[in-house]
């Protein structure tokens, strides 16, 4: 049994991440053991969660994972706060599968809705009531008002909401100093913020003053996760050396936990520190932001020499680009990469590639996989055998993805789990 609650909103940019982080840090400061999770294919918010709570944050993806897998990953001995993605009912095309609402149904957990009321007064009641009634099997247990303008504004909002019977857990006034810097994949990474502790503690101070945390915790219900089958994704090798630093940080914790649980030996190294990987059967270059560090990577002679001598290398997204011959940054400068694949990529002309992917591998991995693609790089050259055949979330066939060069392979897709129809 797992006791938990889901923090969601009608849309993105409503403030649910900042409020979730404030809750996690406030509970940690109060001496409470608290766990967290993030809905969907997010690589950045979970690092903020972990910093706020002091415990690992897991991804729960209702499109990419089976219900049993989600229940197994959500099993926790501590209360669980789950942050939703986008709007509560927003998911993948064509029918919205994978929305936070699906996660609420699978786990049987209530939802607290964060409402951005900056440009609303009495109409807020219609929004809240509409979300509560659209899908009755998704329970809206409480409301948090965000970006409230004044005590008079708060009184109008509360007066309107009194009529619909959903408790208001708190009102957070506009906080311009808590706005967080972002780039094209979302927030700037947690490890890049020198002011991270100050930011988290400030968010906690605001949440403690504005929200009835005890009432929120009392709304938590128990989810029946007992007996859930954790069908792990098998490791691609027995020993795996994984790049980990500011350029390569998008490795899903649940996959690394899977591999360790199945006996794989995991080690880490930092390309930005010009480190060579430990001797391993496979080197994994995860996604991240190599385009921001391309000059430093190009000069990392020890790293480059060691990588070219590795018996097998696998790269995802940013790691895949690093395996290519060259990477052109946003200023148009070309940087020599590893040359393990016949690939050239560029950020000089950006183009968004976004969506879930159903992947059938041609090497390294077994069985169909679920993945996600999110990048702005343009491919200038791609020669060789593809790594995956691919479909989008709607099942429409896409061009083949990635490249294979002997025992070296990679693609722009981030693998999430085994694909379960």
Protein backbone atom coordinates (compact mmCIF):
# COMPACT_ATOMS: atom_id res chain seq x y z
CA UNK A 1 0.00 0.00 0.00
CA UNK A 2 1.25 3.45 -0.92
CA UNK A 3 -0.24 6.62 0.53
CA UNK A 4 -0.12 9.57 -1.82
CA UNK A 5 -1.54 12.55 -3.66
CA UNK A 6 -1.07 14.11 -7.11
CA UNK A 7 -0.37 17.81 -7.72
CA UNK A 8 -1.78 18.86 -11.09
CA UNK A 9 -3.16 21.94 -12.88
CA UNK A 10 -5.36 22.96 -15.80
CA UNK A 11 -2.28 23.78 -17.92
CA UNK A 12 1.48 24.09 -17.96
CA UNK A 13 3.06 27.15 -16.30
CA UNK A 14 0.45 27.18 -13.52
CA UNK A 15 3.10 26.90 -10.80
CA UNK A 16 2.75 23.24 -9.85
CA UNK A 17 6.51 22.56 -9.95
CA UNK A 18 7.41 25.39 -7.59
CA UNK A 19 4.57 24.48 -5.21
CA UNK A 20 5.56 20.79 -5.29
CA UNK A 21 9.18 21.68 -4.51
CA UNK A 22 8.07 23.95 -1.68
CA UNK A 23 5.94 21.17 -0.21
CA UNK A 24 8.74 18.62 -0.44
CA UNK A 25 11.31 20.91 1.18
CA UNK A 26 8.87 22.06 3.89
CA UNK A 27 8.09 18.46 4.81
CA UNK A 28 11.77 17.54 4.82
CA UNK A 29 12.56 20.48 7.13
CA UNK A 30 9.78 19.30 9.43
CA UNK A 31 11.49 15.91 9.72
CA UNK A 32 8.96 14.02 7.60
CA UNK A 33 10.08 11.18 5.36
CA UNK A 34 8.52 11.98 1.99
CA UNK A 35 8.87 10.48 -1.48
CA UNK A 36 8.11 12.02 -4.84
CA UNK A 37 7.41 11.11 -8.43
CA UNK A 38 6.97 12.96 -11.71
CA UNK A 39 4.40 12.14 -14.37
CA UNK A 40 5.66 11.65 -17.90
CA UNK A 41 9.00 11.75 -19.71
CA UNK A 42 10.76 14.43 -17.68
CA UNK A 43 14.52 14.41 -17.06
CA UNK A 44 14.90 17.74 -15.22
CA UNK A 45 12.14 18.22 -12.63
CA UNK A 46 13.02 14.93 -10.84
CA UNK A 47 16.47 16.29 -10.00
CA UNK A 48 14.83 19.29 -8.33
CA UNK A 49 12.48 16.93 -6.46
CA UNK A 50 15.43 14.90 -5.19
CA UNK A 51 17.24 18.01 -4.00
CA UNK A 52 14.11 19.26 -2.23
CA UNK A 53 13.17 16.01 -0.48
CA UNK A 54 16.52 14.27 -0.09
CA UNK A 55 15.22 11.09 -1.76
CA UNK A 56 15.23 9.78 -5.32
CA UNK A 57 12.36 10.86 -7.56
CA UNK A 58 10.91 8.27 -9.94
CA UNK A 59 9.22 8.83 -13.29
CA UNK A 60 5.73 7.37 -13.71
CA UNK A 61 4.60 7.40 -17.33
CA UNK A 62 1.05 6.31 -18.14
CA UNK A 63 1.79 6.19 -21.89
CA UNK A 64 5.13 4.40 -21.82
CA UNK A 65 4.58 2.04 -18.88
CA UNK A 66 2.04 -0.65 -18.10
CA UNK A 67 -0.30 -0.11 -15.12
CA UNK A 68 1.45 -2.91 -13.22
CA UNK A 69 4.84 -1.32 -13.83
CA UNK A 70 3.53 2.04 -12.58
CA UNK A 71 2.10 0.49 -9.43
CA UNK A 72 5.38 -1.30 -8.74
CA UNK A 73 7.46 1.87 -9.22
CA UNK A 74 5.04 3.85 -7.04
CA UNK A 75 5.34 1.40 -4.15
CA UNK A 76 6.75 3.39 -1.26
CA UNK A 77 7.05 3.05 2.50
CA UNK A 78 6.76 6.83 2.81
CA UNK A 79 3.97 9.18 1.66
CA UNK A 80 4.28 10.05 -2.02
CA UNK A 81 3.74 13.43 -3.68
CA UNK A 82 3.42 13.06 -7.46
CA UNK A 83 3.78 16.10 -9.72
CA UNK A 84 1.72 15.97 -12.89
CA UNK A 85 2.75 17.12 -16.35
CA UNK A 86 1.03 19.76 -18.51
CA UNK A 87 -2.72 19.96 -17.81
CA UNK A 88 -4.50 17.23 -15.86
CA UNK A 89 -6.18 15.71 -18.94
CA UNK A 90 -3.42 16.50 -21.49
CA UNK A 91 -1.74 13.46 -23.03
CA UNK A 92 -0.45 12.05 -26.29
CA UNK A 93 -2.40 12.10 -29.54
CA UNK A 94 -4.89 11.01 -30.67
CA UNK A 95 -6.84 10.43 -27.43
CA UNK A 96 -4.76 11.96 -24.62
CA UNK A 97 -3.32 8.66 -23.36
CA UNK A 98 -0.62 9.15 -20.75
CA UNK A 99 -2.21 12.16 -19.09
CA UNK A 100 -1.81 12.78 -15.37
CA UNK A 101 -5.49 11.81 -15.06
CA UNK A 102 -4.58 8.31 -16.30
CA UNK A 103 -1.97 8.09 -13.56
CA UNK A 104 -4.57 9.12 -10.96
CA UNK A 105 -6.89 6.35 -12.17
CA UNK A 106 -4.17 3.69 -12.24
CA UNK A 107 -3.02 4.49 -8.71
CA UNK A 108 -6.42 5.47 -7.33
CA UNK A 109 -4.99 8.69 -5.86
CA UNK A 110 -6.70 12.06 -5.39
CA UNK A 111 -5.64 15.23 -7.18
CA UNK A 112 -4.89 18.68 -5.80
CA UNK A 113 -5.42 21.23 -8.55
CA UNK A 114 -3.14 24.30 -8.72
CA UNK A 115 -5.09 27.16 -10.28
CA UNK A 116 -3.28 30.13 -11.86
CA UNK A 117 -5.74 32.89 -10.91
CA UNK A 118 -3.66 35.87 -12.03
CA UNK A 119 -6.30 36.91 -14.59
CA UNK A 120 -9.42 35.49 -12.95
CA UNK A 121 -11.92 36.23 -10.25
CA UNK A 122 -15.31 34.49 -9.85
CA UNK A 123 -14.82 32.49 -13.07
CA UNK A 124 -12.33 30.33 -11.20
CA UNK A 125 -15.28 28.34 -9.85
CA UNK A 126 -16.34 27.31 -13.35
CA UNK A 127 -12.82 26.08 -14.12
CA UNK A 128 -12.56 24.07 -10.92
CA UNK A 129 -16.07 22.61 -11.29
CA UNK A 130 -15.44 21.67 -14.91
CA UNK A 131 -12.26 19.80 -14.00
CA UNK A 132 -14.03 18.05 -11.11
CA UNK A 133 -16.94 16.89 -13.27
CA UNK A 134 -15.25 16.05 -16.59
CA UNK A 135 -14.10 12.59 -15.48
CA UNK A 136 -15.80 11.61 -12.20
CA UNK A 137 -13.38 8.74 -11.60
CA UNK A 138 -10.59 11.33 -11.20
CA UNK A 139 -11.18 12.94 -7.80
CA UNK A 140 -10.28 16.61 -7.32
CA UNK A 141 -9.73 16.60 -3.56
CA UNK A 142 -8.47 20.15 -3.05
CA UNK A 143 -7.46 23.42 -4.69
CA UNK A 144 -4.42 25.69 -4.36
CA UNK A 145 -4.81 29.24 -5.66
CA UNK A 146 -1.60 30.55 -7.24
CA UNK A 147 -0.58 34.06 -8.31
CA UNK A 148 -3.22 35.74 -6.15
CA UNK A 149 -3.00 39.53 -6.48
CA UNK A 150 -4.28 40.87 -3.16
CA UNK A 151 -6.40 40.02 -0.09
CA UNK A 152 -9.42 41.45 -1.90
CA UNK A 153 -8.69 39.20 -4.89
CA UNK A 154 -8.35 36.19 -2.60
CA UNK A 155 -11.68 36.94 -0.93
CA UNK A 156 -13.45 37.05 -4.31
CA UNK A 157 -11.91 33.75 -5.33
CA UNK A 158 -12.76 31.99 -2.08
CA UNK A 159 -16.29 33.36 -2.17
CA UNK A 160 -16.88 31.89 -5.62
CA UNK A 161 -15.29 28.55 -4.73
CA UNK A 162 -17.31 28.15 -1.52
CA UNK A 163 -20.30 27.27 -3.72
CA UNK A 164 -18.75 24.17 -5.34
CA UNK A 165 -17.65 22.28 -2.23
CA UNK A 166 -14.00 21.60 -3.06
CA UNK A 167 -11.73 22.70 -0.20
CA UNK A 168 -9.24 25.51 -0.85
CA UNK A 169 -5.95 24.46 0.76
CA UNK A 170 -4.22 27.79 0.39
CA UNK A 171 -3.57 30.94 -1.60
CA UNK A 172 -0.08 31.76 -2.87
CA UNK A 173 0.44 35.40 -3.79
CA UNK A 174 2.45 36.48 -6.84
CA UNK A 175 6.15 35.72 -6.31
CA UNK A 176 8.31 37.21 -9.07
CA UNK A 177 11.53 36.32 -7.24
CA UNK A 178 10.68 32.61 -7.52
CA UNK A 179 10.54 32.61 -11.31
CA UNK A 180 12.98 29.97 -12.53
CA UNK A 181 15.36 30.24 -15.50
CA UNK A 182 14.63 27.84 -18.34
CA UNK A 183 15.93 26.68 -21.68
CA UNK A 184 14.43 24.64 -24.49
CA UNK A 185 13.92 21.40 -22.53
CA UNK A 186 12.48 23.08 -19.46
CA UNK A 187 14.09 24.38 -16.29
CA UNK A 188 17.82 24.93 -16.07
CA UNK A 189 19.17 21.78 -14.39
CA UNK A 190 19.25 21.59 -10.62
CA UNK A 191 23.02 21.02 -10.53
CA UNK A 192 23.57 24.22 -12.55
CA UNK A 193 21.95 26.49 -9.96
CA UNK A 194 24.34 27.90 -7.38
CA UNK A 195 21.32 29.27 -5.51
CA UNK A 196 19.44 25.97 -5.42
CA UNK A 197 19.25 25.63 -1.63
CA UNK A 198 18.14 29.23 -1.22
CA UNK A 199 15.49 28.78 -3.92
CA UNK A 200 14.13 25.58 -2.33
CA UNK A 201 14.05 27.07 1.17
CA UNK A 202 12.33 30.22 -0.08
CA UNK A 203 9.72 28.09 -1.85
CA UNK A 204 9.22 26.13 1.38
CA UNK A 205 8.81 29.34 3.40
CA UNK A 206 6.11 30.56 1.02
CA UNK A 207 4.29 27.23 0.98
CA UNK A 208 4.35 26.97 4.78
CA UNK A 209 2.83 30.43 5.10
CA UNK A 210 0.24 30.04 2.32
CA UNK A 211 -0.90 26.41 2.33
CA UNK A 212 -2.43 24.19 5.01
CA UNK A 213 0.07 21.34 4.63
CA UNK A 214 -1.58 19.23 7.33
CA UNK A 215 -4.91 19.43 5.51
CA UNK A 216 -3.21 18.50 2.23
CA UNK A 217 -1.51 15.49 3.82
CA UNK A 218 -4.84 14.44 5.36
CA UNK A 219 -6.31 14.25 1.83
CA UNK A 220 -3.81 11.53 0.89
CA UNK A 221 -5.35 8.13 0.25
CA UNK A 222 -3.84 4.67 0.04
CA UNK A 223 -3.14 3.18 -3.36
CA UNK A 224 -3.20 -0.61 -3.63
CA UNK A 225 0.23 -1.33 -5.07
CA UNK A 226 0.64 -4.70 -3.33
CA UNK A 227 1.50 -7.52 -5.70
CA UNK A 228 2.25 -5.21 -8.63
CA UNK A 229 4.58 -6.86 -11.13
CA UNK A 230 7.77 -4.91 -11.80
CA UNK A 231 8.66 -6.20 -15.27
CA UNK A 232 12.11 -4.68 -15.50
CA UNK A 233 13.90 -3.73 -18.69
CA UNK A 234 16.95 -5.98 -18.98
CA UNK A 235 20.35 -4.25 -19.00
CA UNK A 236 22.04 -3.94 -22.41
CA UNK A 237 25.29 -5.33 -20.94
CA UNK A 238 26.67 -6.90 -17.77
CA UNK A 239 28.95 -3.96 -16.91
CA UNK A 240 27.97 -0.44 -17.98
CA UNK A 241 29.97 2.80 -17.60
CA UNK A 242 27.64 5.81 -17.68
CA UNK A 243 28.58 9.42 -18.43
CA UNK A 244 27.25 11.73 -15.71
CA UNK A 245 27.78 15.50 -15.48
CA UNK A 246 26.13 18.70 -16.68
CA UNK A 247 26.43 17.63 -20.32
CA UNK A 248 25.06 14.11 -19.79
CA UNK A 249 22.42 13.90 -17.08
CA UNK A 250 19.24 12.53 -18.65
CA UNK A 251 19.38 8.92 -17.45
CA UNK A 252 16.15 7.58 -15.98
CA UNK A 253 16.60 6.42 -12.35
CA UNK A 254 14.15 3.53 -12.79
CA UNK A 255 16.26 2.04 -15.61
CA UNK A 256 19.48 2.25 -13.61
CA UNK A 257 17.66 0.65 -10.67
CA UNK A 258 16.38 -2.09 -13.00
CA UNK A 259 19.85 -2.86 -14.25
CA UNK A 260 21.36 -2.96 -10.76
CA UNK A 261 18.52 -5.21 -9.53
CA UNK A 262 19.23 -7.60 -12.39
CA UNK A 263 22.92 -7.83 -11.50
CA UNK A 264 24.52 -5.30 -13.83
CA UNK A 265 27.63 -3.48 -12.62
CA UNK A 266 27.20 0.30 -12.95
CA UNK A 267 29.97 2.92 -12.84
CA UNK A 268 30.03 6.64 -13.67
CA UNK A 269 32.51 9.06 -15.23
CA UNK A 270 32.56 12.72 -16.31
CA UNK A 271 33.45 13.64 -19.89
CA UNK A 272 33.53 17.34 -18.91
CA UNK A 273 36.28 16.50 -16.41
CA UNK A 274 38.10 14.67 -19.23
CA UNK A 275 37.65 11.34 -17.47
CA UNK A 276 37.85 7.98 -19.22
CA UNK A 277 35.17 5.35 -18.50
CA UNK A 278 36.06 2.36 -16.40
CA UNK A 279 36.64 -0.85 -18.32
CA UNK A 280 33.12 -2.04 -19.11
CA UNK A 281 31.17 -4.11 -21.62
CA UNK A 282 29.24 -0.99 -22.69
CA UNK A 283 29.61 2.76 -22.33
CA UNK A 284 26.33 4.69 -22.14
CA UNK A 285 26.24 8.37 -23.11
CA UNK A 286 22.82 9.67 -21.94
CA UNK A 287 21.08 12.77 -23.17
CA UNK A 288 21.75 16.20 -21.79
CA UNK A 289 23.20 19.44 -23.10
CA UNK A 290 26.44 18.63 -24.96
CA UNK A 291 25.72 21.54 -27.31
CA UNK A 292 26.35 23.94 -24.39
CA UNK A 293 29.70 22.29 -23.67
CA UNK A 294 30.75 21.25 -27.17
CA UNK A 295 34.00 23.22 -27.10
CA UNK A 296 35.10 21.63 -23.83
CA UNK A 297 34.13 18.15 -25.02
CA UNK A 298 36.07 18.68 -28.26
CA UNK A 299 39.19 19.46 -26.20
CA UNK A 300 38.77 16.54 -23.78
CA UNK A 301 41.61 14.48 -25.26
CA UNK A 302 41.68 11.75 -22.61
CA UNK A 303 37.91 11.21 -22.85
CA UNK A 304 37.94 11.13 -26.65
CA UNK A 305 40.88 8.75 -26.90
CA UNK A 306 39.35 6.36 -24.36
CA UNK A 307 35.93 6.43 -26.06
CA UNK A 308 37.42 5.59 -29.44
CA UNK A 309 39.04 2.54 -27.87
CA UNK A 310 35.82 1.27 -26.23
CA UNK A 311 34.45 -2.05 -27.42
CA UNK A 312 30.81 -0.87 -27.41
CA UNK A 313 29.12 2.53 -26.98
CA UNK A 314 25.42 3.48 -26.87
CA UNK A 315 24.16 7.08 -26.96
CA UNK A 316 20.79 8.77 -26.53
CA UNK A 317 19.97 12.22 -27.91
CA UNK A 318 22.84 14.40 -26.64
CA UNK A 319 25.00 11.30 -26.23
CA UNK A 320 24.09 10.26 -29.77
CA UNK A 321 25.17 13.65 -31.13
CA UNK A 322 28.45 13.36 -29.23
CA UNK A 323 29.11 10.03 -30.94
CA UNK A 324 28.96 11.77 -34.32
CA UNK A 325 31.73 13.36 -36.32
CA UNK A 326 30.81 16.95 -35.57
CA UNK A 327 28.34 19.15 -33.70
CA UNK A 328 27.57 22.73 -34.74
CA UNK A 329 26.53 24.94 -31.84
CA UNK A 330 23.91 27.72 -31.84
CA UNK A 331 26.56 30.26 -32.88
CA UNK A 332 27.45 28.23 -35.97
CA UNK A 333 30.79 26.89 -34.70
CA UNK A 334 31.60 23.27 -35.57
CA UNK A 335 33.18 21.09 -32.86
CA UNK A 336 34.82 17.74 -33.51
CA UNK A 337 33.08 14.95 -31.64
CA UNK A 338 33.97 11.25 -31.21
CA UNK A 339 33.54 10.07 -34.79
CA UNK A 340 32.00 6.74 -33.74
CA UNK A 341 29.01 7.30 -36.06
CA UNK A 342 28.74 8.94 -39.47
CA UNK A 343 26.63 11.76 -38.08
CA UNK A 344 26.67 15.56 -38.19
CA UNK A 345 24.19 17.64 -36.18
CA UNK A 346 23.54 21.35 -35.81
CA UNK A 347 21.84 23.83 -33.48
CA UNK A 348 22.48 26.76 -35.81
CA UNK A 349 19.03 26.15 -37.30
CA UNK A 350 16.79 24.68 -34.65
CA UNK A 351 13.80 22.45 -35.34
CA UNK A 352 11.62 20.88 -32.66
CA UNK A 353 11.26 17.09 -32.66
CA UNK A 354 8.83 15.98 -29.96
CA UNK A 355 6.72 12.97 -29.08
CA UNK A 356 6.44 9.44 -27.77
CA UNK A 357 7.98 6.68 -29.87
CA UNK A 358 7.30 2.95 -30.24
CA UNK A 359 10.68 1.44 -31.09
CA UNK A 360 11.70 -1.87 -32.62
CA UNK A 361 15.47 -2.32 -32.19
CA UNK A 362 17.81 -3.83 -34.77
CA UNK A 363 20.58 -4.52 -32.25
CA UNK A 364 21.58 -4.23 -28.55
CA UNK A 365 18.03 -4.16 -27.10
CA UNK A 366 15.46 -6.93 -27.17
CA UNK A 367 11.74 -6.63 -27.85
CA UNK A 368 9.69 -3.51 -28.61
CA UNK A 369 10.44 -0.45 -26.51
CA UNK A 370 8.67 2.75 -25.52
CA UNK A 371 10.61 5.97 -25.76
CA UNK A 372 10.38 9.71 -26.14
CA UNK A 373 12.03 12.23 -28.45
CA UNK A 374 12.52 15.89 -27.50
CA UNK A 375 15.25 17.95 -29.12
CA UNK A 376 15.92 20.93 -31.37
CA UNK A 377 18.92 19.60 -33.29
CA UNK A 378 18.97 19.40 -37.09
CA UNK A 379 20.61 16.37 -38.70
CA UNK A 380 22.98 17.39 -41.50
CA UNK A 381 24.43 13.93 -42.19
CA UNK A 382 23.32 10.44 -41.15
CA UNK A 383 24.83 7.44 -42.90
CA UNK A 384 24.59 3.81 -41.87
CA UNK A 385 22.20 1.14 -40.72
CA UNK A 386 19.35 2.44 -38.51
CA UNK A 387 19.07 1.41 -34.88
CA UNK A 388 15.26 1.51 -34.64
CA UNK A 389 12.17 1.30 -36.75
CA UNK A 390 9.70 3.70 -35.17
CA UNK A 391 6.05 4.71 -34.85
CA UNK A 392 4.58 7.74 -33.13
CA UNK A 393 2.07 7.70 -30.27
CA UNK A 394 -0.81 7.25 -32.71
CA UNK A 395 0.86 4.22 -34.33
CA UNK A 396 1.81 6.08 -37.51
CA UNK A 397 5.02 4.86 -39.11
CA UNK A 398 7.97 7.25 -38.81
CA UNK A 399 11.33 7.25 -40.62
CA UNK A 400 13.87 4.87 -39.11
CA UNK A 401 15.80 6.30 -36.18
CA UNK A 402 19.43 6.26 -35.16
CA UNK A 403 22.55 4.58 -36.48
CA UNK A 404 24.56 1.40 -35.96
CA UNK A 405 28.29 1.21 -36.62
CA UNK A 406 29.51 -2.21 -35.53
CA UNK A 407 29.12 -2.30 -31.73
CA UNK A 408 28.43 1.43 -31.53
CA UNK A 409 24.84 2.67 -31.76
CA UNK A 410 22.54 5.47 -30.76
CA UNK A 411 19.52 7.59 -31.62
CA UNK A 412 17.61 10.70 -30.59
CA UNK A 413 15.11 8.55 -28.65
CA UNK A 414 15.25 8.27 -24.86
CA UNK A 415 14.23 4.71 -23.95
CA UNK A 416 11.68 4.63 -21.12
CA UNK A 417 10.54 1.03 -20.80
CA UNK A 418 9.47 -2.13 -22.56
CA UNK A 419 6.52 -1.39 -24.83
CA UNK A 420 3.27 -3.01 -23.71
CA UNK A 421 0.38 -2.75 -26.19
